[in-house]
């Protein structure tokens, strides 16, 4: 059972995921890293979130950044969104997509490309010092 599930929407987001898993390893937190697109593979994402034993989710996505919100809509466990910088808007589009969740679908959001802070926040949520 992983402490944290780290999900990226695309393989191109792996540099940000690597930042997160490095910090999780420093805290000695177990994690599971998956690449699952909310748009291209919604059924696989639904099954993963539903069957995961993770205590916290870190969802990393750029552009429309639907992944964190979709994950949050499928679980009551904490979800941390990490917006990824893009070519056109520098990650502002992803940031706005993540922070504007509707009532009842909370997603914590860290800085653009902030994989490290997502892992630090997950550790705090889990009570690790």
N, C-alpha and C. Protein backbone atom coordinates (compact mmCIF):
# COMPACT_ATOMS: atom_id res chain seq x y z
N UNK A 1 0.85 -1.17 0.00
CA UNK A 1 0.00 0.00 0.00
C UNK A 1 0.90 1.24 0.00
N UNK A 2 0.83 2.03 -1.06
CA UNK A 2 1.65 3.25 -1.10
C UNK A 2 1.05 4.35 -0.24
N UNK A 3 1.94 5.16 0.33
CA UNK A 3 1.47 6.33 1.06
C UNK A 3 0.90 7.36 0.09
N UNK A 4 1.57 7.52 -1.06
CA UNK A 4 1.21 8.56 -2.02
C UNK A 4 1.13 7.97 -3.42
N UNK A 5 0.08 8.30 -4.13
CA UNK A 5 -0.03 7.97 -5.54
C UNK A 5 0.33 9.22 -6.33
N UNK A 6 1.30 9.10 -7.20
CA UNK A 6 1.72 10.22 -8.06
C UNK A 6 1.25 9.87 -9.46
N UNK A 7 0.39 10.72 -10.01
CA UNK A 7 -0.16 10.48 -11.34
C UNK A 7 0.19 11.66 -12.23
N UNK A 8 0.73 11.37 -13.40
CA UNK A 8 0.95 12.41 -14.40
C UNK A 8 -0.01 12.18 -15.54
N UNK A 9 -0.42 13.26 -16.18
CA UNK A 9 -1.34 13.16 -17.30
C UNK A 9 -0.65 12.76 -18.59
N UNK A 10 0.67 12.89 -18.61
CA UNK A 10 1.44 12.61 -19.82
C UNK A 10 2.86 12.24 -19.42
N UNK A 11 3.50 11.43 -20.23
CA UNK A 11 4.90 11.07 -19.98
C UNK A 11 5.80 12.31 -20.02
N UNK A 12 5.39 13.34 -20.74
CA UNK A 12 6.20 14.56 -20.81
C UNK A 12 6.25 15.31 -19.48
N UNK A 13 5.37 14.92 -18.54
CA UNK A 13 5.37 15.54 -17.21
C UNK A 13 6.32 14.84 -16.24
N UNK A 14 7.06 13.81 -16.73
CA UNK A 14 7.92 13.05 -15.83
C UNK A 14 8.99 13.85 -15.11
N UNK A 15 9.57 14.90 -15.68
CA UNK A 15 10.55 15.66 -14.90
C UNK A 15 9.96 16.25 -13.61
N UNK A 16 8.70 16.63 -13.65
CA UNK A 16 8.06 17.17 -12.45
C UNK A 16 7.77 16.03 -11.46
N UNK A 17 7.35 14.89 -11.98
CA UNK A 17 7.10 13.72 -11.13
C UNK A 17 8.40 13.27 -10.45
N UNK A 18 9.50 13.33 -11.17
CA UNK A 18 10.79 12.93 -10.59
C UNK A 18 11.16 13.82 -9.41
N UNK A 19 10.85 15.10 -9.50
CA UNK A 19 11.10 16.01 -8.38
C UNK A 19 10.29 15.56 -7.15
N UNK A 20 9.04 15.19 -7.38
CA UNK A 20 8.16 14.78 -6.28
C UNK A 20 8.63 13.47 -5.66
N UNK A 21 8.94 12.49 -6.47
CA UNK A 21 9.31 11.19 -5.90
C UNK A 21 10.66 11.25 -5.19
N UNK A 22 11.53 12.13 -5.62
CA UNK A 22 12.81 12.30 -4.92
C UNK A 22 12.57 12.76 -3.49
N UNK A 23 11.68 13.74 -3.32
CA UNK A 23 11.38 14.24 -1.97
C UNK A 23 10.62 13.18 -1.17
N UNK A 24 9.69 12.48 -1.80
CA UNK A 24 8.97 11.42 -1.08
C UNK A 24 9.95 10.36 -0.57
N UNK A 25 10.94 10.02 -1.37
CA UNK A 25 11.96 9.04 -0.96
C UNK A 25 12.77 9.57 0.22
N UNK A 26 13.06 10.87 0.22
CA UNK A 26 13.79 11.46 1.35
C UNK A 26 13.01 11.34 2.64
N UNK A 27 11.69 11.42 2.56
CA UNK A 27 10.83 11.23 3.72
C UNK A 27 10.58 9.75 4.03
N UNK A 28 11.08 8.90 3.17
CA UNK A 28 10.86 7.45 3.27
C UNK A 28 9.38 7.10 3.15
N UNK A 29 8.68 7.85 2.31
CA UNK A 29 7.28 7.57 2.02
C UNK A 29 7.22 6.66 0.80
N UNK A 30 6.36 5.68 0.86
CA UNK A 30 6.18 4.81 -0.31
C UNK A 30 5.28 5.52 -1.31
N UNK A 31 5.48 5.22 -2.57
CA UNK A 31 4.69 5.86 -3.61
C UNK A 31 4.50 4.93 -4.79
N UNK A 32 3.49 5.23 -5.56
CA UNK A 32 3.22 4.54 -6.81
C UNK A 32 3.13 5.62 -7.88
N UNK A 33 3.89 5.47 -8.94
CA UNK A 33 3.93 6.46 -10.02
C UNK A 33 3.24 5.90 -11.25
N UNK A 34 2.26 6.64 -11.75
CA UNK A 34 1.49 6.21 -12.92
C UNK A 34 1.37 7.35 -13.92
N UNK A 35 1.30 7.02 -15.20
CA UNK A 35 0.98 7.97 -16.26
C UNK A 35 -0.40 7.59 -16.77
N UNK A 36 -1.40 8.43 -16.43
CA UNK A 36 -2.78 8.16 -16.84
C UNK A 36 -3.44 9.49 -17.20
N UNK A 37 -3.87 9.62 -18.42
CA UNK A 37 -4.52 10.84 -18.87
C UNK A 37 -6.00 10.83 -18.52
N UNK A 38 -6.47 11.93 -17.95
CA UNK A 38 -7.89 12.06 -17.65
C UNK A 38 -8.72 12.13 -18.93
N UNK A 39 -8.11 12.61 -20.01
CA UNK A 39 -8.83 12.75 -21.27
C UNK A 39 -8.73 11.51 -22.16
N UNK A 40 -7.53 10.95 -22.25
CA UNK A 40 -7.32 9.84 -23.17
C UNK A 40 -7.64 8.47 -22.57
N UNK A 41 -7.65 8.36 -21.25
CA UNK A 41 -7.89 7.07 -20.62
C UNK A 41 -8.71 7.21 -19.34
N UNK A 42 -9.91 7.79 -19.44
CA UNK A 42 -10.71 8.05 -18.24
C UNK A 42 -11.12 6.79 -17.48
N UNK A 43 -11.37 5.70 -18.19
CA UNK A 43 -11.78 4.47 -17.51
C UNK A 43 -10.64 3.89 -16.69
N UNK A 44 -9.44 3.93 -17.23
CA UNK A 44 -8.27 3.44 -16.49
C UNK A 44 -8.02 4.31 -15.26
N UNK A 45 -8.17 5.64 -15.41
CA UNK A 45 -8.00 6.54 -14.27
C UNK A 45 -9.03 6.24 -13.20
N UNK A 46 -10.27 6.05 -13.59
CA UNK A 46 -11.33 5.76 -12.64
C UNK A 46 -11.01 4.48 -11.86
N UNK A 47 -10.59 3.45 -12.55
CA UNK A 47 -10.26 2.19 -11.88
C UNK A 47 -9.07 2.35 -10.95
N UNK A 48 -8.05 3.09 -11.40
CA UNK A 48 -6.86 3.28 -10.57
C UNK A 48 -7.21 4.00 -9.27
N UNK A 49 -7.92 5.10 -9.36
CA UNK A 49 -8.26 5.87 -8.16
C UNK A 49 -9.15 5.03 -7.24
N UNK A 50 -10.11 4.34 -7.82
CA UNK A 50 -11.05 3.54 -7.04
C UNK A 50 -10.36 2.41 -6.29
N UNK A 51 -9.35 1.80 -6.90
CA UNK A 51 -8.71 0.63 -6.30
C UNK A 51 -7.42 0.96 -5.56
N UNK A 52 -6.92 2.17 -5.66
CA UNK A 52 -5.67 2.54 -4.99
C UNK A 52 -5.85 2.62 -3.48
N UNK A 53 -4.83 2.16 -2.77
CA UNK A 53 -4.82 2.27 -1.31
C UNK A 53 -4.06 3.49 -0.84
N UNK A 54 -3.63 4.34 -1.77
CA UNK A 54 -2.84 5.52 -1.39
C UNK A 54 -3.64 6.41 -0.45
N UNK A 55 -2.91 7.06 0.45
CA UNK A 55 -3.55 7.95 1.41
C UNK A 55 -3.68 9.37 0.86
N UNK A 56 -2.79 9.73 -0.08
CA UNK A 56 -2.78 11.06 -0.69
C UNK A 56 -2.47 10.88 -2.17
N UNK A 57 -3.08 11.71 -3.00
CA UNK A 57 -2.79 11.71 -4.44
C UNK A 57 -2.08 13.00 -4.82
N UNK A 58 -1.05 12.88 -5.64
CA UNK A 58 -0.43 14.03 -6.29
C UNK A 58 -0.74 13.87 -7.77
N UNK A 59 -1.44 14.85 -8.33
CA UNK A 59 -1.82 14.79 -9.75
C UNK A 59 -1.12 15.93 -10.49
N UNK A 60 -0.32 15.56 -11.47
CA UNK A 60 0.54 16.50 -12.20
C UNK A 60 0.03 16.62 -13.63
N UNK A 61 -0.30 17.86 -14.04
CA UNK A 61 -0.86 18.03 -15.38
C UNK A 61 -0.64 19.44 -15.90
N UNK A 62 -0.53 19.54 -17.19
CA UNK A 62 -0.40 20.83 -17.85
C UNK A 62 -1.62 21.13 -18.70
N UNK A 63 -1.55 22.22 -19.42
CA UNK A 63 -2.61 22.68 -20.31
C UNK A 63 -3.94 22.81 -19.58
N UNK A 64 -4.94 22.03 -19.96
CA UNK A 64 -6.25 22.16 -19.31
C UNK A 64 -6.22 21.61 -17.88
N UNK A 65 -5.23 20.80 -17.56
CA UNK A 65 -4.99 20.29 -16.20
C UNK A 65 -6.25 19.73 -15.55
N UNK A 66 -6.98 18.92 -16.27
CA UNK A 66 -8.20 18.32 -15.71
C UNK A 66 -7.89 17.22 -14.71
N UNK A 67 -6.71 16.63 -14.79
CA UNK A 67 -6.39 15.45 -13.98
C UNK A 67 -6.62 15.64 -12.48
N UNK A 68 -6.10 16.69 -11.83
CA UNK A 68 -6.32 16.81 -10.39
C UNK A 68 -7.81 16.88 -10.01
N UNK A 69 -8.58 17.63 -10.75
CA UNK A 69 -10.01 17.74 -10.45
C UNK A 69 -10.75 16.44 -10.67
N UNK A 70 -10.39 15.73 -11.72
CA UNK A 70 -11.04 14.44 -11.98
C UNK A 70 -10.71 13.46 -10.86
N UNK A 71 -9.44 13.42 -10.45
CA UNK A 71 -9.06 12.54 -9.34
C UNK A 71 -9.84 12.92 -8.09
N UNK A 72 -9.92 14.21 -7.78
CA UNK A 72 -10.64 14.66 -6.59
C UNK A 72 -12.13 14.33 -6.65
N UNK A 73 -12.68 14.25 -7.86
CA UNK A 73 -14.09 13.92 -7.99
C UNK A 73 -14.37 12.45 -7.72
N UNK A 74 -13.31 11.64 -7.68
CA UNK A 74 -13.46 10.20 -7.53
C UNK A 74 -13.01 9.67 -6.16
N UNK A 75 -12.56 10.56 -5.26
CA UNK A 75 -12.07 10.11 -3.96
C UNK A 75 -12.34 11.17 -2.90
N UNK A 76 -12.37 10.75 -1.66
CA UNK A 76 -12.48 11.68 -0.53
C UNK A 76 -11.10 11.92 0.09
N UNK A 77 -10.08 11.26 -0.43
CA UNK A 77 -8.72 11.44 0.08
C UNK A 77 -8.12 12.74 -0.48
N UNK A 78 -7.10 13.29 0.20
CA UNK A 78 -6.50 14.55 -0.26
C UNK A 78 -5.87 14.42 -1.65
N UNK A 79 -6.07 15.46 -2.45
CA UNK A 79 -5.47 15.54 -3.78
C UNK A 79 -4.68 16.85 -3.87
N UNK A 80 -3.45 16.72 -4.31
CA UNK A 80 -2.58 17.88 -4.51
C UNK A 80 -2.34 18.01 -6.01
N UNK A 81 -2.68 19.15 -6.57
CA UNK A 81 -2.48 19.39 -7.99
C UNK A 81 -1.18 20.14 -8.24
N UNK A 82 -0.47 19.71 -9.25
CA UNK A 82 0.76 20.38 -9.66
C UNK A 82 0.59 20.85 -11.11
N UNK A 83 0.45 22.16 -11.32
CA UNK A 83 0.35 22.66 -12.70
C UNK A 83 1.73 22.60 -13.37
N UNK A 84 1.72 22.24 -14.64
CA UNK A 84 2.97 22.12 -15.40
C UNK A 84 3.06 23.28 -16.38
N UNK A 85 4.25 23.87 -16.46
CA UNK A 85 4.44 24.99 -17.38
C UNK A 85 4.28 24.52 -18.82
N UNK A 86 3.72 25.39 -19.62
CA UNK A 86 3.51 25.07 -21.03
C UNK A 86 4.16 26.10 -21.93
N UNK A 87 4.09 25.86 -23.21
CA UNK A 87 4.73 26.74 -24.18
C UNK A 87 3.98 28.05 -24.37
N UNK A 88 2.66 28.01 -24.29
CA UNK A 88 1.89 29.20 -24.61
C UNK A 88 1.66 30.14 -23.42
N UNK A 89 1.32 29.58 -22.28
CA UNK A 89 0.92 30.44 -21.15
C UNK A 89 1.81 30.26 -19.93
N UNK A 90 2.89 29.53 -20.04
CA UNK A 90 3.81 29.36 -18.94
C UNK A 90 3.24 28.63 -17.74
N UNK A 91 2.17 27.90 -17.92
CA UNK A 91 1.55 27.16 -16.83
C UNK A 91 0.38 27.86 -16.19
N UNK A 92 0.11 29.10 -16.59
CA UNK A 92 -1.02 29.83 -16.02
C UNK A 92 -2.34 29.13 -16.31
N UNK A 93 -2.48 28.57 -17.50
CA UNK A 93 -3.70 27.85 -17.85
C UNK A 93 -3.91 26.65 -16.93
N UNK A 94 -2.84 25.90 -16.67
CA UNK A 94 -2.93 24.74 -15.78
C UNK A 94 -3.21 25.18 -14.35
N UNK A 95 -2.55 26.22 -13.90
CA UNK A 95 -2.76 26.74 -12.55
C UNK A 95 -4.22 27.12 -12.34
N UNK A 96 -4.77 27.89 -13.26
CA UNK A 96 -6.16 28.32 -13.12
C UNK A 96 -7.13 27.14 -13.18
N UNK A 97 -6.82 26.15 -13.99
CA UNK A 97 -7.69 24.97 -14.07
C UNK A 97 -7.72 24.22 -12.74
N UNK A 98 -6.59 24.18 -12.06
CA UNK A 98 -6.51 23.42 -10.81
C UNK A 98 -7.14 24.18 -9.65
N UNK A 99 -6.92 25.48 -9.56
CA UNK A 99 -7.41 26.20 -8.38
C UNK A 99 -8.90 26.55 -8.45
N UNK A 100 -9.52 26.40 -9.60
CA UNK A 100 -10.92 26.78 -9.74
C UNK A 100 -11.87 25.58 -9.70
N UNK A 101 -11.67 24.72 -8.71
CA UNK A 101 -12.54 23.56 -8.57
C UNK A 101 -13.86 23.98 -7.93
N UNK A 102 -14.94 23.29 -8.27
CA UNK A 102 -16.23 23.62 -7.68
C UNK A 102 -16.31 23.17 -6.22
N UNK A 103 -17.27 23.71 -5.50
CA UNK A 103 -17.49 23.32 -4.11
C UNK A 103 -17.64 21.81 -4.02
N UNK A 104 -17.02 21.23 -3.01
CA UNK A 104 -17.13 19.79 -2.80
C UNK A 104 -16.09 18.97 -3.53
N UNK A 105 -15.26 19.63 -4.35
CA UNK A 105 -14.20 18.93 -5.08
C UNK A 105 -12.88 19.66 -4.79
N UNK A 106 -12.41 19.58 -3.53
CA UNK A 106 -11.21 20.34 -3.18
C UNK A 106 -9.94 19.74 -3.76
N UNK A 107 -9.08 20.63 -4.23
CA UNK A 107 -7.75 20.25 -4.71
C UNK A 107 -6.78 21.28 -4.17
N UNK A 108 -5.78 20.82 -3.42
CA UNK A 108 -4.70 21.71 -3.00
C UNK A 108 -3.84 21.96 -4.23
N UNK A 109 -3.25 23.13 -4.33
CA UNK A 109 -2.45 23.45 -5.51
C UNK A 109 -1.12 24.06 -5.07
N UNK A 110 -0.05 23.58 -5.67
CA UNK A 110 1.27 24.15 -5.42
C UNK A 110 1.70 24.94 -6.65
N UNK A 111 2.88 25.50 -6.60
CA UNK A 111 3.38 26.35 -7.68
C UNK A 111 3.52 25.58 -8.99
N UNK A 112 3.55 26.32 -10.07
CA UNK A 112 3.81 25.74 -11.38
C UNK A 112 5.14 25.00 -11.33
N UNK A 113 5.13 23.76 -11.79
CA UNK A 113 6.29 22.86 -11.78
C UNK A 113 6.77 22.54 -10.37
N UNK A 114 5.91 22.70 -9.37
CA UNK A 114 6.28 22.54 -7.96
C UNK A 114 6.18 21.13 -7.43
N UNK A 115 6.78 20.18 -8.11
CA UNK A 115 6.75 18.79 -7.66
C UNK A 115 7.29 18.59 -6.27
N UNK A 116 8.36 19.31 -5.93
CA UNK A 116 8.94 19.17 -4.60
C UNK A 116 7.95 19.58 -3.52
N UNK A 117 7.31 20.74 -3.69
CA UNK A 117 6.36 21.20 -2.68
C UNK A 117 5.15 20.29 -2.58
N UNK A 118 4.75 19.67 -3.66
CA UNK A 118 3.65 18.71 -3.59
C UNK A 118 4.02 17.56 -2.67
N UNK A 119 5.25 17.08 -2.78
CA UNK A 119 5.71 15.99 -1.92
C UNK A 119 5.85 16.45 -0.47
N UNK A 120 6.36 17.66 -0.25
CA UNK A 120 6.44 18.18 1.12
C UNK A 120 5.04 18.31 1.74
N UNK A 121 4.08 18.77 0.95
CA UNK A 121 2.71 18.91 1.44
C UNK A 121 2.11 17.53 1.74
N UNK A 122 2.35 16.57 0.89
CA UNK A 122 1.86 15.20 1.14
C UNK A 122 2.43 14.67 2.45
N UNK A 123 3.71 14.91 2.69
CA UNK A 123 4.33 14.47 3.94
C UNK A 123 3.67 15.14 5.15
N UNK A 124 3.37 16.43 5.04
CA UNK A 124 2.70 17.12 6.15
C UNK A 124 1.30 16.58 6.37
N UNK A 125 0.58 16.31 5.29
CA UNK A 125 -0.76 15.74 5.41
C UNK A 125 -0.69 14.39 6.14
N UNK A 126 0.35 13.63 5.85
CA UNK A 126 0.51 12.31 6.46
C UNK A 126 1.14 12.38 7.85
N UNK A 127 1.52 13.57 8.29
CA UNK A 127 2.08 13.75 9.61
C UNK A 127 3.52 13.31 9.76
N UNK A 128 4.25 13.31 8.64
CA UNK A 128 5.67 12.93 8.67
C UNK A 128 6.50 14.17 8.93
N UNK A 129 7.48 14.03 9.83
CA UNK A 129 8.35 15.19 10.11
C UNK A 129 9.74 14.96 9.56
